[in-house]
Protein backbone atom coordinates (compact mmCIF):
# COMPACT_ATOMS: atom_id res chain seq x y z
CA MET A 1 14.49 22.15 2.13
CA THR A 2 11.01 20.93 1.17
CA PRO A 3 10.64 20.19 -2.56
CA THR A 4 8.29 22.45 -4.46
CA LEU A 5 5.04 20.73 -5.36
CA ALA A 6 4.46 20.48 -9.08
CA ALA A 7 1.64 22.25 -10.85
CA PRO A 8 -1.48 20.19 -11.65
CA VAL A 9 -1.49 18.26 -14.88
CA ASP A 10 -2.67 20.45 -17.75
CA ASP A 11 -5.09 17.99 -19.31
CA THR A 12 -8.86 18.20 -19.63
CA LEU A 13 -9.35 14.44 -19.74
CA PRO A 14 -9.41 12.68 -16.36
CA VAL A 15 -7.98 9.38 -15.33
CA VAL A 16 -11.07 7.26 -14.64
CA VAL A 17 -11.09 4.90 -11.67
CA VAL A 18 -13.75 2.19 -11.91
CA GLY A 19 -14.89 1.03 -8.47
CA ALA A 20 -15.21 2.97 -5.20
CA GLY A 21 -13.92 0.38 -2.79
CA PRO A 22 -10.93 1.24 -0.59
CA ILE A 23 -8.36 0.71 -3.37
CA GLY A 24 -10.31 2.83 -5.85
CA LEU A 25 -10.76 5.63 -3.33
CA ILE A 26 -7.12 5.59 -2.18
CA THR A 27 -5.96 5.54 -5.80
CA ALA A 28 -8.19 8.53 -6.54
CA LEU A 29 -6.74 10.41 -3.56
CA GLY A 30 -3.26 9.58 -4.85
CA LEU A 31 -4.06 11.02 -8.26
CA LYS A 32 -5.52 14.15 -6.66
CA HIS A 33 -2.36 14.47 -4.56
CA TYR A 34 -0.31 14.61 -7.76
CA GLY A 35 -2.68 17.06 -9.43
CA VAL A 36 -4.10 14.54 -11.89
CA PRO A 37 -7.80 15.04 -12.83
CA VAL A 38 -9.74 11.98 -11.69
CA THR A 39 -13.26 10.61 -11.91
CA VAL A 40 -14.40 7.61 -9.86
CA LEU A 41 -17.30 5.54 -11.20
CA GLU A 42 -19.29 3.28 -8.86
CA GLU A 43 -22.25 1.28 -10.12
CA ASP A 44 -24.04 1.03 -6.75
CA ASP A 45 -26.04 3.88 -5.26
CA GLN A 46 -23.93 3.89 -2.10
CA LEU A 47 -20.66 2.49 -0.81
CA SER A 48 -20.63 -1.04 0.56
CA LEU A 49 -22.24 -1.76 3.93
CA ASP A 50 -20.87 -5.31 4.14
CA THR A 51 -18.73 -6.55 7.01
CA LYS A 52 -15.32 -7.01 5.39
CA ALA A 53 -11.62 -6.52 6.10
CA GLY A 54 -10.80 -4.67 9.27
CA THR A 55 -7.04 -4.14 9.77
CA VAL A 56 -4.92 -1.39 8.23
CA LEU A 57 -1.18 -2.10 8.33
CA THR A 58 1.55 0.45 8.94
CA ARG A 59 2.64 0.74 5.31
CA THR A 60 -0.94 1.61 4.37
CA ILE A 61 -1.02 4.36 7.00
CA GLU A 62 2.12 5.82 5.40
CA VAL A 63 0.46 5.79 1.98
CA LEU A 64 -2.62 7.48 3.43
CA ASP A 65 -0.37 10.10 5.02
CA ARG A 66 1.25 10.87 1.67
CA TYR A 67 -2.19 11.32 0.14
CA GLY A 68 -3.47 13.52 2.97
CA ALA A 69 -5.92 11.01 4.46
CA ALA A 70 -4.11 9.52 7.47
CA VAL A 71 -5.50 11.87 10.12
CA PRO A 72 -9.23 11.23 9.53
CA VAL A 73 -8.60 7.48 9.27
CA LEU A 74 -6.63 7.51 12.53
CA ARG A 75 -9.46 9.35 14.28
CA ALA A 76 -11.97 6.71 13.16
CA ALA A 77 -9.77 3.69 13.96
CA LEU A 78 -8.39 1.84 16.96
CA ARG A 79 -4.60 1.72 17.26
CA MET A 80 -2.69 -1.31 18.51
CA ASP A 81 0.96 -1.96 19.23
CA GLU A 82 0.77 -5.76 19.48
CA ILE A 83 -0.41 -8.67 17.33
CA GLY A 84 -0.96 -11.78 19.42
CA GLU A 85 -0.63 -15.42 18.40
CA VAL A 86 -1.92 -18.33 20.51
CA ASN A 87 -1.87 -22.09 19.93
CA ARG A 88 -5.35 -22.88 21.20
CA ALA A 89 -4.82 -26.64 21.32
CA THR A 90 -1.89 -26.32 23.75
CA ASN A 91 -2.93 -22.94 25.21
CA THR A 92 0.58 -21.63 24.62
CA ALA A 93 1.32 -18.20 23.24
CA ALA A 94 3.83 -17.60 20.49
CA PRO A 95 5.90 -14.42 20.83
CA SER A 96 3.69 -11.47 20.00
CA VAL A 97 4.52 -9.06 17.23
CA LYS A 98 5.50 -5.89 19.12
CA MET A 99 5.10 -2.87 16.89
CA ASP A 100 6.85 -0.40 19.20
CA VAL A 101 10.22 -1.69 17.93
CA LEU A 102 9.41 0.25 14.72
CA ALA A 103 9.52 3.65 16.43
CA GLY A 104 12.78 4.50 14.67
CA GLU A 105 11.50 3.36 11.27
CA THR A 106 8.15 5.10 10.90
CA ARG A 107 5.97 7.82 12.37
CA TYR A 108 3.31 5.15 12.84
CA PRO A 109 4.71 2.31 15.01
CA PHE A 110 1.34 0.57 15.21
CA VAL A 111 -1.43 -0.90 13.07
CA LEU A 112 -5.12 0.01 12.97
CA ASN A 113 -8.41 -1.78 13.32
CA ILE A 114 -11.24 -0.18 11.39
CA PRO A 115 -14.07 -1.96 9.54
CA GLN A 116 -13.68 -1.67 5.78
CA ASN A 117 -17.06 -0.01 5.36
CA SER A 118 -16.06 2.62 7.95
CA LEU A 119 -12.74 3.12 6.17
CA GLU A 120 -14.55 3.66 2.88
CA ARG A 121 -16.81 6.31 4.45
CA VAL A 122 -13.80 8.24 5.72
CA LEU A 123 -12.02 8.03 2.36
CA GLU A 124 -15.19 9.12 0.57
CA GLU A 125 -15.46 12.20 2.79
CA VAL A 126 -11.83 13.14 2.15
CA LEU A 127 -12.28 12.74 -1.62
CA ARG A 128 -15.53 14.73 -1.71
CA ASP A 129 -13.94 17.47 0.37
CA ARG A 130 -11.06 17.65 -2.10
CA ASP A 131 -13.20 17.34 -5.22
CA PRO A 132 -17.00 17.25 -4.76
CA GLN A 133 -17.55 16.07 -8.35
CA ALA A 134 -14.97 13.26 -8.44
CA LEU A 135 -17.19 10.40 -7.23
CA ARG A 136 -20.13 9.38 -9.39
CA LEU A 137 -22.46 6.78 -7.92
CA ARG A 138 -25.05 4.77 -9.87
CA THR A 139 -22.73 4.80 -12.90
CA ARG A 140 -21.97 1.51 -14.57
CA VAL A 141 -19.32 0.89 -17.23
CA THR A 142 -20.77 -1.28 -20.00
CA GLY A 143 -17.99 -1.05 -22.58
CA LEU A 144 -14.75 0.60 -23.60
CA VAL A 145 -12.82 1.35 -26.76
CA GLN A 146 -9.13 2.23 -26.71
CA HIS A 147 -7.57 4.91 -28.90
CA PRO A 148 -3.91 5.96 -29.20
CA ASP A 149 -4.42 8.93 -26.86
CA ARG A 150 -7.47 8.03 -24.75
CA VAL A 151 -10.07 5.45 -23.76
CA THR A 152 -13.75 5.92 -24.55
CA LEU A 153 -16.02 4.35 -21.94
CA THR A 154 -19.68 3.56 -22.45
CA VAL A 155 -21.45 4.27 -19.15
CA THR A 156 -25.03 3.97 -17.96
CA ASP A 157 -26.35 6.20 -15.19
CA GLU A 158 -29.66 7.68 -14.06
CA HIS A 159 -29.71 9.87 -17.18
CA GLY A 160 -29.23 7.00 -19.63
CA THR A 161 -26.30 5.72 -21.69
CA ARG A 162 -23.49 7.97 -22.86
CA GLU A 163 -19.77 8.02 -23.64
CA LEU A 164 -16.99 9.27 -21.39
CA ASP A 165 -13.39 9.83 -22.48
CA ALA A 166 -10.50 9.09 -20.15
CA ARG A 167 -6.75 9.50 -20.45
CA TYR A 168 -6.29 6.18 -18.63
CA VAL A 169 -8.66 3.73 -16.94
CA LEU A 170 -7.82 2.05 -13.63
CA ALA A 171 -9.94 -1.02 -12.91
CA CYS A 172 -10.52 -1.22 -9.15
CA ASP A 173 -13.80 -3.08 -9.58
CA GLY A 174 -13.01 -6.12 -7.47
CA GLY A 175 -12.46 -9.82 -7.87
CA ARG A 176 -15.28 -10.15 -10.41
CA SER A 177 -13.98 -7.23 -12.44
CA SER A 178 -16.09 -6.60 -15.52
CA ILE A 179 -13.27 -4.48 -16.95
CA ARG A 180 -10.84 -7.38 -16.66
CA GLU A 181 -13.37 -9.76 -18.20
CA GLY A 182 -14.06 -7.36 -21.06
CA LEU A 183 -10.35 -7.20 -21.86
CA GLY A 184 -10.13 -10.98 -21.99
CA ILE A 185 -7.60 -11.10 -19.15
CA THR A 186 -7.72 -14.38 -17.23
CA VAL A 187 -6.96 -15.11 -13.60
CA GLU A 188 -4.83 -18.04 -12.53
CA GLY A 189 -4.82 -19.86 -9.22
CA LYS A 190 -7.38 -21.63 -7.08
CA THR A 191 -10.53 -21.20 -5.02
CA LEU A 192 -10.31 -22.78 -1.57
CA GLU A 193 -12.90 -25.30 -0.44
CA ASP A 194 -13.24 -23.59 2.93
CA ARG A 195 -15.22 -20.42 3.24
CA TYR A 196 -14.61 -17.74 5.86
CA MET A 197 -17.19 -16.23 8.17
CA LEU A 198 -16.96 -12.83 9.81
CA VAL A 199 -19.10 -12.18 12.88
CA ASP A 200 -19.36 -8.85 14.68
CA LEU A 201 -20.33 -9.21 18.34
CA LYS A 202 -21.24 -6.69 20.97
CA VAL A 203 -19.70 -8.01 24.17
CA ASP A 204 -17.90 -6.48 27.15
CA LEU A 205 -14.43 -7.98 27.45
CA ASP A 206 -12.95 -4.93 29.19
CA VAL A 207 -14.79 -4.36 32.49
CA ASP A 208 -17.39 -6.98 33.41
CA ASN A 209 -15.55 -9.81 31.66
CA PRO A 210 -11.94 -8.67 31.31
CA ARG A 211 -9.94 -10.89 28.96
CA ASP A 212 -7.01 -8.60 28.10
CA TYR A 213 -6.60 -10.04 24.63
CA PRO A 214 -4.43 -8.11 22.18
CA TYR A 215 -6.66 -6.04 19.91
CA LEU A 216 -5.65 -8.47 17.14
CA ALA A 217 -5.13 -12.10 18.14
CA TYR A 218 -4.71 -15.28 16.08
CA PHE A 219 -5.85 -18.49 17.79
CA ALA A 220 -4.30 -21.41 15.89
CA ASP A 221 -6.07 -24.76 16.16
CA PRO A 222 -6.21 -27.78 13.80
CA GLU A 223 -9.85 -28.32 14.79
CA GLU A 224 -11.19 -24.77 14.75
CA TRP A 225 -8.96 -21.72 14.40
CA MET A 226 -10.21 -18.23 15.10
CA ILE A 227 -9.08 -14.64 14.64
CA LEU A 228 -10.22 -12.11 17.21
CA VAL A 229 -10.24 -8.43 16.25
CA ARG A 230 -11.18 -5.51 18.50
CA GLN A 231 -12.95 -2.95 16.32
CA PRO A 232 -13.85 0.55 17.50
CA HIS A 233 -17.43 -0.46 18.31
CA CYS A 234 -17.42 -4.25 18.60
CA TRP A 235 -15.40 -7.46 18.67
CA ARG A 236 -14.99 -9.28 15.37
CA PHE A 237 -14.47 -13.03 15.04
CA LEU A 238 -13.26 -14.71 11.86
CA PHE A 239 -13.24 -18.48 11.41
CA PRO A 240 -13.38 -21.03 8.59
CA LEU A 241 -16.49 -22.91 7.49
CA ALA A 242 -15.87 -26.48 6.41
CA PRO A 243 -16.71 -27.37 2.80
CA GLY A 244 -20.46 -27.78 2.44
CA ALA A 245 -21.18 -26.59 5.98
CA VAL A 246 -24.42 -24.71 6.55
CA GLU A 247 -24.03 -21.12 7.66
CA PRO A 248 -24.57 -21.11 11.45
CA GLY A 249 -27.40 -19.16 13.02
CA PRO A 250 -27.14 -16.50 15.78
CA GLU A 251 -27.24 -18.99 18.66
CA GLU A 252 -24.60 -21.25 17.14
CA LEU A 253 -22.39 -18.23 16.42
CA ARG A 254 -22.77 -17.10 20.01
CA ASP A 255 -21.82 -20.56 21.31
CA LYS A 256 -18.83 -20.70 18.96
CA ALA A 257 -17.53 -17.39 20.26
CA LEU A 258 -17.99 -18.47 23.87
CA ARG A 259 -15.85 -21.57 23.23
CA PHE A 260 -12.98 -19.16 22.65
CA ILE A 261 -13.62 -16.39 25.13
CA GLY A 262 -15.28 -18.39 27.94
CA ASP A 263 -18.65 -17.94 29.61
CA VAL A 264 -19.79 -14.35 29.08
CA ASP A 265 -23.26 -12.84 29.43
CA ASP A 266 -24.88 -10.30 27.13
CA VAL A 267 -23.43 -11.33 23.78
CA GLU A 268 -25.23 -9.78 20.81
CA VAL A 269 -24.62 -10.69 17.15
CA LEU A 270 -24.45 -7.40 15.23
CA GLY A 271 -23.73 -8.70 11.74
CA THR A 272 -22.22 -11.52 9.72
CA ASN A 273 -20.67 -12.12 6.33
CA VAL A 274 -19.66 -15.34 4.60
CA TYR A 275 -17.31 -15.21 1.66
CA THR A 276 -15.43 -17.53 -0.64
CA VAL A 277 -11.65 -17.49 -0.40
CA HIS A 278 -9.52 -17.28 -3.53
CA GLN A 279 -5.83 -17.36 -4.31
CA ARG A 280 -5.83 -15.97 -7.85
CA VAL A 281 -3.75 -13.49 -9.85
CA ALA A 282 -4.41 -11.98 -13.28
CA ASN A 283 -2.08 -13.24 -16.01
CA ARG A 284 -1.44 -9.63 -17.01
CA TRP A 285 -2.25 -6.36 -15.28
CA SER A 286 -2.70 -3.96 -18.17
CA GLU A 287 -3.98 -3.69 -21.69
CA GLY A 288 -3.12 -0.48 -23.49
CA ARG A 289 -4.31 2.39 -21.32
CA VAL A 290 -6.23 0.19 -18.88
CA PHE A 291 -4.63 -1.08 -15.66
CA LEU A 292 -5.89 -3.59 -13.10
CA MET A 293 -5.50 -2.83 -9.40
CA GLY A 294 -6.41 -4.45 -6.09
CA ASP A 295 -8.72 -7.46 -6.23
CA ALA A 296 -9.16 -6.99 -9.98
CA ALA A 297 -5.47 -7.94 -10.32
CA HIS A 298 -5.02 -10.30 -7.38
CA LEU A 299 -7.24 -12.16 -4.93
CA ILE A 300 -5.23 -13.08 -1.85
CA THR A 301 -6.21 -15.24 1.10
CA PRO A 302 -7.24 -12.62 3.70
CA MET A 303 -4.77 -13.66 6.40
CA TRP A 304 -2.48 -11.22 8.20
CA ALA A 305 -4.57 -8.44 6.56
CA LEU A 306 -2.67 -9.00 3.32
CA GLY A 307 -5.65 -8.72 0.97
CA LEU A 308 -6.63 -5.06 1.36
CA ASN A 309 -3.15 -3.88 2.28
CA THR A 310 -1.48 -5.48 -0.74
CA GLY A 311 -3.97 -3.59 -2.89
CA VAL A 312 -2.84 -0.37 -1.24
CA LEU A 313 0.70 -1.13 -2.42
CA ASP A 314 -0.76 -0.98 -5.96
CA ALA A 315 -2.31 2.38 -5.11
CA SER A 316 1.08 3.58 -3.88
CA ASN A 317 2.96 2.53 -7.02
CA LEU A 318 0.85 3.55 -10.02
CA PRO A 319 -0.40 7.14 -9.35
CA TRP A 320 3.04 8.79 -9.28
CA ARG A 321 3.98 7.02 -12.51
CA LEU A 322 0.84 8.33 -14.23
CA ALA A 323 1.58 11.83 -12.92
CA TRP A 324 5.13 11.78 -14.27
CA VAL A 325 3.91 10.63 -17.69
CA LEU A 326 1.01 13.09 -17.86
CA ARG A 327 3.27 15.98 -16.80
CA GLY A 328 5.61 15.09 -19.66
CA TRP A 329 8.43 14.22 -17.30
CA ALA A 330 8.62 10.55 -18.23
CA ASP A 331 8.12 8.16 -21.12
CA PRO A 332 4.96 6.00 -21.09
CA ALA A 333 7.30 3.04 -20.69
CA LEU A 334 7.63 4.11 -17.04
CA LEU A 335 4.15 2.66 -16.50
CA GLY A 336 5.45 -0.83 -17.25
CA GLY A 337 7.26 -0.84 -13.92
CA TYR A 338 3.92 -1.01 -12.09
CA GLU A 339 3.14 -4.58 -13.08
CA ALA A 340 6.79 -5.63 -13.06
CA GLU A 341 7.11 -4.64 -9.40
CA GLN A 342 3.67 -5.34 -7.99
CA SER A 343 2.91 -8.68 -9.63
CA SER A 344 5.79 -10.45 -7.91
CA VAL A 345 4.74 -8.92 -4.59
CA ALA A 346 1.19 -10.22 -5.05
CA ILE A 347 1.98 -13.66 -6.45
CA LYS A 348 5.12 -14.79 -4.63
CA GLY A 349 5.03 -12.34 -1.74
CA SER A 350 1.69 -11.57 -0.11
CA GLY A 351 -0.03 -14.53 -1.71
CA GLN A 352 2.43 -17.11 -0.44
CA MET A 353 2.74 -15.46 2.98
CA ALA A 354 -1.04 -15.38 3.45
CA GLU A 355 -1.47 -18.98 2.32
CA ASN A 356 1.34 -20.13 4.64
CA ALA A 357 -0.33 -18.26 7.50
CA ARG A 358 -3.67 -19.91 6.72
CA LEU A 359 -2.13 -23.37 6.76
CA ALA A 360 -0.25 -22.64 9.97
CA MET A 361 -3.48 -21.51 11.67
CA GLY A 362 -4.94 -24.94 10.99
CA GLY A 363 -1.80 -26.79 12.08
CA ALA A 364 -1.06 -28.15 8.61
CA ASP A 365 2.13 -30.14 8.17
CA GLY A 366 4.87 -28.19 6.48
CA ALA A 367 3.38 -24.82 7.35
CA GLU A 368 6.11 -22.91 9.09
CA ARG A 369 6.28 -19.46 10.53
CA GLU A 370 8.80 -17.19 8.81
CA SER A 371 12.17 -17.23 10.55
CA THR A 372 12.23 -13.70 11.88
CA SER A 373 12.65 -12.01 15.24
CA GLY A 374 11.62 -8.79 16.97
CA TRP A 375 12.36 -5.97 14.55
CA GLY A 376 12.35 -8.15 11.46
CA TRP A 377 9.06 -9.82 12.34
CA ALA A 378 7.39 -6.46 13.04
CA MET A 379 8.73 -5.03 9.75
CA THR A 380 7.38 -8.03 7.88
CA ARG A 381 3.93 -8.10 9.45
CA SER A 382 3.47 -4.33 9.07
CA LEU A 383 4.48 -4.45 5.36
CA LEU A 384 7.30 -2.01 6.06
CA GLY A 385 9.66 -4.77 4.95
CA VAL A 386 8.47 -4.76 1.34
CA SER A 387 11.41 -4.37 -1.05
CA LEU A 388 10.48 -3.86 -4.71
CA ASP A 389 12.34 -5.00 -7.81
CA VAL A 390 12.95 -1.40 -8.90
CA ASP A 391 15.92 -2.12 -11.15
CA GLY A 392 14.65 -5.23 -12.91
CA THR A 393 17.23 -7.57 -11.39
CA GLY A 394 14.64 -9.88 -9.82
CA ASP A 395 15.87 -8.93 -6.35
CA TRP A 396 12.85 -8.23 -4.14
CA SER A 397 11.47 -9.40 -0.82
CA MET A 398 8.49 -9.26 1.53
CA VAL A 399 10.45 -10.32 4.61
CA LYS A 400 12.94 -8.65 6.91
CA GLU A 401 15.05 -10.69 9.30
CA GLY A 402 17.06 -9.99 12.41
CA GLU A 403 17.78 -6.42 13.43
CA PRO A 404 18.00 -3.14 11.45
CA GLN A 405 20.50 -3.45 8.63
CA ALA A 406 21.88 -1.36 5.78
CA VAL A 407 19.26 -0.53 3.16
CA ARG A 408 19.32 -1.91 -0.36
CA VAL A 409 17.95 -0.68 -3.66
CA GLY A 410 14.21 -1.35 -3.69
CA ASP A 411 13.77 -1.11 0.07
CA ARG A 412 11.22 1.21 1.58
CA MET A 413 13.19 4.14 2.99
CA PRO A 414 13.15 4.34 6.81
CA ASP A 415 11.17 7.48 7.65
CA VAL A 416 13.95 9.13 9.66
CA ALA A 417 13.83 12.82 10.56
CA VAL A 418 16.37 15.42 9.44
CA TYR A 419 16.43 19.15 10.18
CA GLY A 420 16.07 22.17 7.95
CA ILE A 421 17.54 25.64 8.16
CA ASP A 422 14.86 26.78 10.61
CA GLY A 423 15.39 23.81 12.90
CA ASP A 424 12.22 22.19 11.64
CA GLU A 425 12.07 18.41 11.85
CA THR A 426 11.23 16.91 8.46
CA HIS A 427 10.77 13.24 7.77
CA LEU A 428 12.15 11.72 4.57
CA HIS A 429 8.79 10.53 3.29
CA ARG A 430 7.47 14.08 3.46
CA LEU A 431 10.47 15.33 1.48
CA ALA A 432 9.65 12.92 -1.32
CA GLY A 433 5.89 13.50 -1.30
CA ASP A 434 5.85 14.81 -4.88
CA SER A 435 9.41 14.44 -6.11
CA PHE A 436 12.32 12.11 -6.53
CA VAL A 437 14.89 13.25 -3.97
CA ALA A 438 18.64 12.74 -4.33
CA LEU A 439 20.24 12.68 -0.88
CA HIS A 440 23.93 13.55 -1.22
CA PHE A 441 25.95 12.50 1.84
CA ALA A 442 29.02 14.72 2.22
CA ASP A 443 30.82 17.03 4.65
CA ALA A 444 29.08 20.41 4.43
CA ARG A 445 32.26 22.17 5.64
CA ARG A 446 33.99 21.23 2.37
CA ARG A 447 31.38 23.13 0.29
CA PRO A 448 30.48 20.24 -2.04
CA THR A 449 28.89 21.24 -5.33
CA LEU A 450 25.40 19.85 -5.84
CA PRO A 451 23.83 19.59 -9.29
CA VAL A 452 22.26 22.90 -10.22
CA GLY A 453 18.79 21.34 -10.39
CA GLY A 454 15.98 22.29 -12.69
CA THR A 455 15.32 18.74 -13.82
CA PRO A 456 11.53 18.32 -13.52
CA GLY A 457 10.57 15.92 -10.77
CA LEU A 458 14.02 15.71 -9.13
CA THR A 459 15.25 17.55 -6.02
CA HIS A 460 18.86 17.53 -4.79
CA LEU A 461 19.64 17.81 -1.06
CA LEU A 462 22.88 17.67 0.92
CA VAL A 463 22.89 15.54 4.09
CA SER A 464 25.60 16.23 6.67
CA ARG A 465 26.18 16.10 10.43
CA TRP A 466 27.90 19.46 9.96
CA ASP A 467 25.56 22.41 9.63
CA ALA A 468 26.13 24.13 6.28
CA PRO A 469 28.32 27.24 6.75
CA HIS A 470 26.62 30.57 6.04
CA ASP A 471 28.91 31.33 3.13
CA SER A 472 28.53 27.90 1.51
CA GLY A 473 25.46 28.67 -0.58
CA LEU A 474 24.03 25.37 0.63
CA ARG A 475 21.93 26.30 3.63
CA ASP A 476 18.61 26.15 1.81
CA ARG A 477 19.52 22.81 0.21
CA ALA A 478 21.03 21.08 3.24
CA CYS A 479 19.58 18.60 5.72
CA PHE A 480 21.23 18.66 9.14
CA ASP A 481 21.76 15.08 10.36
CA PRO A 482 22.96 15.27 14.00
CA GLY A 483 25.28 12.43 14.87
CA ASP A 484 25.03 11.01 11.33
CA ARG A 485 21.85 9.30 12.52
CA LEU A 486 20.33 8.96 9.05
CA ARG A 487 23.57 7.99 7.33
CA LYS A 488 24.30 5.31 9.91
CA ARG A 489 20.78 3.90 9.72
CA LEU A 490 21.05 3.61 5.94
CA GLY A 491 24.49 2.04 6.22
CA VAL A 492 26.12 4.31 3.64
CA GLY A 493 29.33 6.28 3.75
CA GLU A 494 30.14 9.85 2.84
CA GLY A 495 30.46 10.26 -0.89
CA THR A 496 27.19 8.39 -1.49
CA VAL A 497 24.00 9.52 -3.15
CA VAL A 498 20.70 7.78 -2.33
CA LEU A 499 17.87 8.38 -4.79
CA LEU A 500 14.43 8.22 -3.23
CA ARG A 501 11.24 7.74 -5.28
CA PRO A 502 7.92 9.50 -4.57
CA ASP A 503 6.54 6.26 -3.13
CA ALA A 504 9.38 6.22 -0.57
CA HIS A 505 11.24 3.29 -2.14
CA ILE A 506 14.96 3.58 -2.82
CA ALA A 507 15.58 3.85 -6.56
CA ALA A 508 19.39 3.81 -6.46
CA ILE A 509 22.47 3.96 -4.23
CA ALA A 510 25.64 5.17 -5.93
CA ALA A 511 29.06 6.65 -5.32
CA TRP A 512 29.06 10.43 -5.63
CA SER A 513 31.65 13.20 -5.58
CA SER A 514 31.33 16.97 -5.57
CA GLY A 515 30.11 18.23 -8.93
CA SER A 516 29.02 14.81 -10.17
CA ASP A 517 25.65 14.49 -11.86
CA VAL A 518 25.34 10.74 -11.30
CA ALA A 519 21.91 11.18 -9.68
CA GLU A 520 20.66 13.09 -12.74
CA GLN A 521 21.89 10.30 -15.01
CA ILE A 522 20.20 7.59 -12.94
CA TYR A 523 16.96 9.57 -12.75
CA ASP A 524 16.98 10.06 -16.52
CA ARG A 525 17.34 6.31 -17.07
CA ILE A 526 14.44 5.64 -14.70
CA VAL A 527 11.95 8.06 -16.25
CA HIS A 528 13.05 7.37 -19.83
CA PRO A 529 13.37 3.56 -19.79
CA GLY A 530 12.24 2.95 -23.37
CA SER A 531 15.74 2.55 -24.76
CA GLN A 532 16.43 -0.17 -22.20
CA ALA A 533 13.32 -2.20 -22.99
CA THR A 534 13.42 -5.24 -25.20
CA THR A 535 12.47 -4.69 -28.83
CA SER A 536 9.07 -6.37 -28.46
CA GLU A 537 8.29 -4.50 -25.26
CA SER A 538 9.36 -1.21 -26.78
CA GLN A 539 7.17 -1.81 -29.83
CA ARG A 540 4.20 -2.73 -27.63
CA LEU A 541 4.55 0.43 -25.55
CA GLN A 542 4.92 2.56 -28.67
CA GLU A 543 1.76 1.09 -30.16
CA VAL A 544 -0.18 1.53 -26.93
CA HIS A 545 0.96 5.04 -26.02
CA SER A 546 1.66 6.65 -29.39
């Protein structure tokens, strides 16, 4: 029942990732997962030691799982099933975000707290274990020249200046991206007057001074809002600095923290970081064979953990597309879907949600909390509610409302379990780890005829609450769905095919009958989209990828 993993890409030139922050490292792990040769270039002599982002949302955990990195990250992190919100001025608590309501949607009904520098160390170890030569420190990109079939980078390292050829270049080099600047790509948006300060404190709020705060709590206050984060080895406080304010010293920071948590002895400041807050997005995300990712493409107000985790959505979307193109399974035009889908998520999705959250924390007029409840609010805050514009209709969303509802094209597929011939429980995201999967819903007793298969990158499976009879010829291609649990959750009827992409988003939902190859036709249109592009777009892609 599990799709066969494809052979590695037969290509001597790597895809080069510039920047070894979390997005660069996760992208590299994604490329390795799909068998794509990859080289990561980092100009510093070690990964960052700065105190930065510290919360990993559920959708990011799923991406890490697909790329084989979830387990070591989980071991290094602190799990939490609740996100708290408190109006400090009135001392009233808003309803918490309870993550346990997601138990039927994901294998990870929680979010994680882990300092970004700790996350990077774990990702680095996983990458080095998988490919000891992939990460090259002390290597700076000083120029690039694009050719029809490759990109030539000029790099400077401890041995001097030389040239390095790449099949594609992925710029994960941060908000001040030199790659983006070299391409002449501009960013649009604004820089906020307020700055944010992160403070890591060693303080006992469990035994000697029990406070029983959620491990992630937002204290809204028009005078002085604060975010409290329980990290594996400390408590982290985040608060705004007024325009022009002088960075506070250790004693002032200690007093500020005590105003929120009350009188507590033995408070030690472990580290601080002040950073400028931007709300900016690149006006285009690619130029030829070079693509922008993460902060190089979008700088998002770091509220609700949407900065780092939105970048991971980029790292979920682009690697499989590159793999399909490099394997010869898809036209280069498939790569255009990356920006088409992710830019709207960054600009009008995460960006607007984070900015609204920032304003609401300070009690600004007109800043309203999204109108969601239990399940919907948890789906939204965990980024499981992201629905991509996969078919170019402009229909996408970052928000889920109400209770579980029928899925739509573009939605992230609920990670429901089905059962194979050996009784093994297999989750849908694992089935689509390295393949499009067409799920054909039909009565197995009627011996429906599935497409023969053999189309590279596409697997056909039957889903039925009736176990496939032994003489049906379907037992090794059938998923047993007791009680129609999966079909009911998706909200589809028998005689439906649901096409699932490798990134676990739903590519299509269509009527299907025995012997029909509708899934093959839809898949072909997805991976060979050139004929559907506009003339100018088609010409541009031909020029870039000839």
